[in-house]
Amino acid sequence: MADTTTSSNAPPSAAEPVVDAAERARRQRGKNLALFFSLLGFVALIYVVAIVRMGLHAQGQ
């Protein structure tokens, strides 16, 4: 049976790159901001679609 304990395809002897705490925090903040703006855009899209559909319904179409 194959060993499935590692999640990457790298050999177990490969060293992970060393990233300091400030760089890690900067990357995490970038990911958080990207997620925030993605969710904000999705909510805005749903809001606009709902308003348009209600407007069409009020006109009798």
PDB file of N, CA and C in Angstrom:
ATOM      1  N   MET A   1       0.847  -1.176   0.000  1.00  0.00           N
ATOM      2  CA  MET A   1       0.000   0.000   0.000  1.00  0.00           C
ATOM      3  C   MET A   1       0.892   1.238   0.000  1.00  0.00           C
ATOM      4  N   ALA A   2       0.510   2.264  -0.721  1.00  0.00           N
ATOM      5  CA  ALA A   2       1.315   3.478  -0.856  1.00  0.00           C
ATOM      6  C   ALA A   2       1.224   4.329   0.408  1.00  0.00           C
ATOM      7  N   ASP A   3       2.292   5.026   0.690  1.00  0.00           N
ATOM      8  CA  ASP A   3       2.323   5.927   1.830  1.00  0.00           C
ATOM      9  C   ASP A   3       1.605   7.222   1.463  1.00  0.00           C
ATOM     10  N   THR A   4       0.543   7.557   2.173  1.00  0.00           N
ATOM     11  CA  THR A   4      -0.255   8.752   1.858  1.00  0.00           C
ATOM     12  C   THR A   4      -0.146   9.807   2.942  1.00  0.00           C
ATOM     13  N   THR A   5       0.895   9.773   3.750  1.00  0.00           N
ATOM     14  CA  THR A   5       1.014  10.735   4.840  1.00  0.00           C
ATOM     15  C   THR A   5       1.491  12.098   4.380  1.00  0.00           C
ATOM     16  N   THR A   6       2.174  12.181   3.240  1.00  0.00           N
ATOM     17  CA  THR A   6       2.627  13.477   2.741  1.00  0.00           C
ATOM     18  C   THR A   6       1.639  13.998   1.712  1.00  0.00           C
ATOM     19  N   SER A   7       1.398  15.301   1.734  1.00  0.00           N
ATOM     20  CA  SER A   7       0.408  15.887   0.833  1.00  0.00           C
ATOM     21  C   SER A   7       1.033  16.453  -0.436  1.00  0.00           C
ATOM     22  N   SER A   8       2.352  16.524  -0.495  1.00  0.00           N
ATOM     23  CA  SER A   8       2.988  17.076  -1.681  1.00  0.00           C
ATOM     24  C   SER A   8       3.700  15.964  -2.443  1.00  0.00           C
ATOM     25  N   ASN A   9       4.089  16.260  -3.662  1.00  0.00           N
ATOM     26  CA  ASN A   9       4.796  15.302  -4.492  1.00  0.00           C
ATOM     27  C   ASN A   9       6.300  15.358  -4.281  1.00  0.00           C
ATOM     28  N   ALA A  10       6.761  16.277  -3.447  1.00  0.00           N
ATOM     29  CA  ALA A  10       8.186  16.428  -3.205  1.00  0.00           C
ATOM     30  C   ALA A  10       8.697  15.248  -2.375  1.00  0.00           C
ATOM     31  N   PRO A  11       9.920  14.861  -2.604  1.00  0.00           N
ATOM     32  CA  PRO A  11      10.472  13.779  -1.780  1.00  0.00           C
ATOM     33  C   PRO A  11      10.592  14.228  -0.332  1.00  0.00           C
ATOM     34  N   PRO A  12      10.535  13.299   0.610  1.00  0.00           N
ATOM     35  CA  PRO A  12      10.566  13.684   2.033  1.00  0.00           C
ATOM     36  C   PRO A  12      11.842  14.406   2.434  1.00  0.00           C
ATOM     37  N   SER A  13      12.935  14.224   1.698  1.00  0.00           N
ATOM     38  CA  SER A  13      14.185  14.865   2.070  1.00  0.00           C
ATOM     39  C   SER A  13      14.276  16.318   1.607  1.00  0.00           C
ATOM     40  N   ALA A  14      13.334  16.761   0.767  1.00  0.00           N
ATOM     41  CA  ALA A  14      13.378  18.141   0.268  1.00  0.00           C
ATOM     42  C   ALA A  14      13.035  19.104   1.398  1.00  0.00           C
ATOM     43  N   ALA A  15      13.840  20.133   1.559  1.00  0.00           N
ATOM     44  CA  ALA A  15      13.620  21.119   2.620  1.00  0.00           C
ATOM     45  C   ALA A  15      12.607  22.151   2.161  1.00  0.00           C
ATOM     46  N   GLU A  16      11.751  22.554   3.080  1.00  0.00           N
ATOM     47  CA  GLU A  16      10.783  23.612   2.809  1.00  0.00           C
ATOM     48  C   GLU A  16      11.516  24.947   2.790  1.00  0.00           C
ATOM     49  N   PRO A  17      11.107  25.885   1.909  1.00  0.00           N
ATOM     50  CA  PRO A  17      11.762  27.194   1.913  1.00  0.00           C
ATOM     51  C   PRO A  17      11.469  27.930   3.224  1.00  0.00           C
ATOM     52  N   VAL A  18      12.470  28.609   3.707  1.00  0.00           N
ATOM     53  CA  VAL A  18      12.331  29.335   4.968  1.00  0.00           C
ATOM     54  C   VAL A  18      11.724  30.696   4.667  1.00  0.00           C
ATOM     55  N   VAL A  19      10.584  30.975   5.286  1.00  0.00           N
ATOM     56  CA  VAL A  19       9.893  32.249   5.100  1.00  0.00           C
ATOM     57  C   VAL A  19       9.735  32.873   6.476  1.00  0.00           C
ATOM     58  N   ASP A  20      10.186  34.120   6.621  1.00  0.00           N
ATOM     59  CA  ASP A  20      10.092  34.756   7.928  1.00  0.00           C
ATOM     60  C   ASP A  20       8.649  35.139   8.236  1.00  0.00           C
ATOM     61  N   ALA A  21       8.403  35.488   9.479  1.00  0.00           N
ATOM     62  CA  ALA A  21       7.052  35.771   9.948  1.00  0.00           C
ATOM     63  C   ALA A  21       6.440  36.980   9.240  1.00  0.00           C
ATOM     64  N   ALA A  22       7.226  37.991   8.947  1.00  0.00           N
ATOM     65  CA  ALA A  22       6.704  39.186   8.286  1.00  0.00           C
ATOM     66  C   ALA A  22       6.235  38.860   6.867  1.00  0.00           C
ATOM     67  N   GLU A  23       7.005  38.053   6.154  1.00  0.00           N
ATOM     68  CA  GLU A  23       6.622  37.663   4.792  1.00  0.00           C
ATOM     69  C   GLU A  23       5.364  36.798   4.811  1.00  0.00           C
ATOM     70  N   ARG A  24       5.300  35.889   5.765  1.00  0.00           N
ATOM     71  CA  ARG A  24       4.126  35.024   5.893  1.00  0.00           C
ATOM     72  C   ARG A  24       2.878  35.855   6.206  1.00  0.00           C
ATOM     73  N   ALA A  25       3.009  36.838   7.090  1.00  0.00           N
ATOM     74  CA  ALA A  25       1.891  37.705   7.444  1.00  0.00           C
ATOM     75  C   ALA A  25       1.453  38.552   6.243  1.00  0.00           C
ATOM     76  N   ARG A  26       2.424  39.022   5.445  1.00  0.00           N
ATOM     77  CA  ARG A  26       2.099  39.816   4.265  1.00  0.00           C
ATOM     78  C   ARG A  26       1.328  38.972   3.250  1.00  0.00           C
ATOM     79  N   ARG A  27       1.778  37.745   3.037  1.00  0.00           N
ATOM     80  CA  ARG A  27       1.092  36.864   2.088  1.00  0.00           C
ATOM     81  C   ARG A  27      -0.315  36.531   2.573  1.00  0.00           C
ATOM     82  N   GLN A  28      -0.457  36.267   3.886  1.00  0.00           N
ATOM     83  CA  GLN A  28      -1.769  35.940   4.433  1.00  0.00           C
ATOM     84  C   GLN A  28      -2.718  37.129   4.304  1.00  0.00           C
ATOM     85  N   ARG A  29      -2.196  38.337   4.534  1.00  0.00           N
ATOM     86  CA  ARG A  29      -3.035  39.535   4.387  1.00  0.00           C
ATOM     87  C   ARG A  29      -3.491  39.692   2.938  1.00  0.00           C
ATOM     88  N   GLY A  30      -2.612  39.418   1.989  1.00  0.00           N
ATOM     89  CA  GLY A  30      -2.993  39.478   0.582  1.00  0.00           C
ATOM     90  C   GLY A  30      -4.077  38.477   0.244  1.00  0.00           C
ATOM     91  N   LYS A  31      -3.951  37.268   0.775  1.00  0.00           N
ATOM     92  CA  LYS A  31      -4.977  36.247   0.544  1.00  0.00           C
ATOM     93  C   LYS A  31      -6.301  36.660   1.178  1.00  0.00           C
ATOM     94  N   ASN A  32      -6.234  37.215   2.377  1.00  0.00           N
ATOM     95  CA  ASN A  32      -7.446  37.659   3.056  1.00  0.00           C
ATOM     96  C   ASN A  32      -8.141  38.773   2.281  1.00  0.00           C
ATOM     97  N   LEU A  33      -7.360  39.724   1.773  1.00  0.00           N
ATOM     98  CA  LEU A  33      -7.946  40.816   0.994  1.00  0.00           C
ATOM     99  C   LEU A  33      -8.566  40.302  -0.303  1.00  0.00           C
ATOM    100  N   ALA A  34      -7.903  39.355  -0.960  1.00  0.00           N
ATOM    101  CA  ALA A  34      -8.455  38.780  -2.185  1.00  0.00           C
ATOM    102  C   ALA A  34      -9.776  38.074  -1.900  1.00  0.00           C
ATOM    103  N   LEU A  35      -9.838  37.338  -0.816  1.00  0.00           N
ATOM    104  CA  LEU A  35     -11.078  36.659  -0.444  1.00  0.00           C
ATOM    105  C   LEU A  35     -12.172  37.667  -0.106  1.00  0.00           C
ATOM    106  N   PHE A  36     -11.817  38.724   0.627  1.00  0.00           N
ATOM    107  CA  PHE A  36     -12.783  39.760   0.985  1.00  0.00           C
ATOM    108  C   PHE A  36     -13.390  40.410  -0.253  1.00  0.00           C
ATOM    109  N   PHE A  37     -12.550  40.804  -1.202  1.00  0.00           N
ATOM    110  CA  PHE A  37     -13.062  41.468  -2.396  1.00  0.00           C
ATOM    111  C   PHE A  37     -13.836  40.509  -3.293  1.00  0.00           C
ATOM    112  N   SER A  38     -13.453  39.248  -3.305  1.00  0.00           N
ATOM    113  CA  SER A  38     -14.213  38.257  -4.063  1.00  0.00           C
ATOM    114  C   SER A  38     -15.607  38.086  -3.477  1.00  0.00           C
ATOM    115  N   LEU A  39     -15.684  37.960  -2.173  1.00  0.00           N
ATOM    116  CA  LEU A  39     -16.988  37.815  -1.520  1.00  0.00           C
ATOM    117  C   LEU A  39     -17.827  39.084  -1.673  1.00  0.00           C
ATOM    118  N   LEU A  40     -17.197  40.234  -1.559  1.00  0.00           N
ATOM    119  CA  LEU A  40     -17.901  41.499  -1.727  1.00  0.00           C
ATOM    120  C   LEU A  40     -18.481  41.608  -3.140  1.00  0.00           C
ATOM    121  N   GLY A  41     -17.711  41.225  -4.142  1.00  0.00           N
ATOM    122  CA  GLY A  41     -18.198  41.243  -5.518  1.00  0.00           C
ATOM    123  C   GLY A  41     -19.346  40.279  -5.720  1.00  0.00           C
ATOM    124  N   PHE A  42     -19.260  39.098  -5.119  1.00  0.00           N
ATOM    125  CA  PHE A  42     -20.338  38.116  -5.235  1.00  0.00           C
ATOM    126  C   PHE A  42     -21.626  38.641  -4.604  1.00  0.00           C
ATOM    127  N   VAL A  43     -21.514  39.217  -3.417  1.00  0.00           N
ATOM    128  CA  VAL A  43     -22.695  39.772  -2.743  1.00  0.00           C
ATOM    129  C   VAL A  43     -23.291  40.911  -3.570  1.00  0.00           C
ATOM    130  N   ALA A  44     -22.457  41.778  -4.133  1.00  0.00           N
ATOM    131  CA  ALA A  44     -22.945  42.876  -4.972  1.00  0.00           C
ATOM    132  C   ALA A  44     -23.664  42.329  -6.207  1.00  0.00           C
ATOM    133  N   LEU A  45     -23.114  41.279  -6.814  1.00  0.00           N
ATOM    134  CA  LEU A  45     -23.752  40.667  -7.980  1.00  0.00           C
ATOM    135  C   LEU A  45     -25.126  40.108  -7.620  1.00  0.00           C
ATOM    136  N   ILE A  46     -25.228  39.393  -6.522  1.00  0.00           N
ATOM    137  CA  ILE A  46     -26.511  38.834  -6.082  1.00  0.00           C
ATOM    138  C   ILE A  46     -27.499  39.966  -5.795  1.00  0.00           C
ATOM    139  N   TYR A  47     -27.041  41.040  -5.171  1.00  0.00           N
ATOM    140  CA  TYR A  47     -27.902  42.176  -4.860  1.00  0.00           C
ATOM    141  C   TYR A  47     -28.443  42.806  -6.143  1.00  0.00           C
ATOM    142  N   VAL A  48     -27.589  43.044  -7.115  1.00  0.00           N
ATOM    143  CA  VAL A  48     -28.012  43.659  -8.372  1.00  0.00           C
ATOM    144  C   VAL A  48     -29.002  42.756  -9.101  1.00  0.00           C
ATOM    145  N   VAL A  49     -28.722  41.463  -9.147  1.00  0.00           N
ATOM    146  CA  VAL A  49     -29.641  40.533  -9.816  1.00  0.00           C
ATOM    147  C   VAL A  49     -30.994  40.529  -9.116  1.00  0.00           C
ATOM    148  N   ALA A  50     -31.008  40.560  -7.798  1.00  0.00           N
ATOM    149  CA  ALA A  50     -32.270  40.575  -7.053  1.00  0.00           C
ATOM    150  C   ALA A  50     -33.052  41.855  -7.334  1.00  0.00           C
ATOM    151  N   ILE A  51     -32.391  42.987  -7.352  1.00  0.00           N
ATOM    152  CA  ILE A  51     -33.067  44.262  -7.620  1.00  0.00           C
ATOM    153  C   ILE A  51     -33.644  44.270  -9.027  1.00  0.00           C
ATOM    154  N   VAL A  52     -32.895  43.797 -10.008  1.00  0.00           N
ATOM    155  CA  VAL A  52     -33.373  43.764 -11.389  1.00  0.00           C
ATOM    156  C   VAL A  52     -34.578  42.845 -11.509  1.00  0.00           C
ATOM    157  N   ARG A  53     -34.509  41.686 -10.874  1.00  0.00           N
ATOM    158  CA  ARG A  53     -35.640  40.743 -10.965  1.00  0.00           C
ATOM    159  C   ARG A  53     -36.875  41.314 -10.295  1.00  0.00           C
ATOM    160  N   MET A  54     -36.721  42.000  -9.158  1.00  0.00           N
ATOM    161  CA  MET A  54     -37.874  42.606  -8.510  1.00  0.00           C
ATOM    162  C   MET A  54     -38.444  43.731  -9.361  1.00  0.00           C
ATOM    163  N   GLY A  55     -37.586  44.476 -10.027  1.00  0.00           N
ATOM    164  CA  GLY A  55     -38.054  45.542 -10.892  1.00  0.00           C
ATOM    165  C   GLY A  55     -38.839  45.003 -12.077  1.00  0.00           C
ATOM    166  N   LEU A  56     -38.391  43.893 -12.640  1.00  0.00           N
ATOM    167  CA  LEU A  56     -39.110  43.280 -13.753  1.00  0.00           C
ATOM    168  C   LEU A  56     -40.438  42.707 -13.279  1.00  0.00           C
ATOM    169  N   HIS A  57     -40.458  42.154 -12.093  1.00  0.00           N
ATOM    170  CA  HIS A  57     -41.690  41.578 -11.552  1.00  0.00           C
ATOM    171  C   HIS A  57     -42.721  42.669 -11.289  1.00  0.00           C
ATOM    172  N   ALA A  58     -42.281  43.835 -10.816  1.00  0.00           N
ATOM    173  CA  ALA A  58     -43.194  44.946 -10.514  1.00  0.00           C
ATOM    174  C   ALA A  58     -43.808  45.519 -11.795  1.00  0.00           C
ATOM    175  N   GLN A  59     -43.117  45.381 -12.922  1.00  0.00           N
ATOM    176  CA  GLN A  59     -43.629  45.888 -14.189  1.00  0.00           C
ATOM    177  C   GLN A  59     -44.619  44.915 -14.819  1.00  0.00           C
ATOM    178  N   GLY A  60     -44.748  43.734 -14.274  1.00  0.00           N
ATOM    179  CA  GLY A  60     -45.714  42.777 -14.794  1.00  0.00           C
ATOM    180  C   GLY A  60     -45.163  41.856 -15.873  1.00  0.00           C
ATOM    181  N   GLN A  61     -43.881  41.723 -16.005  1.00  0.00           N
ATOM    182  CA  GLN A  61     -43.307  40.830 -17.019  1.00  0.00           C
ATOM    183  C   GLN A  61     -43.038  39.473 -16.484  1.00  0.00           C
TER     184      GLN A  61
END
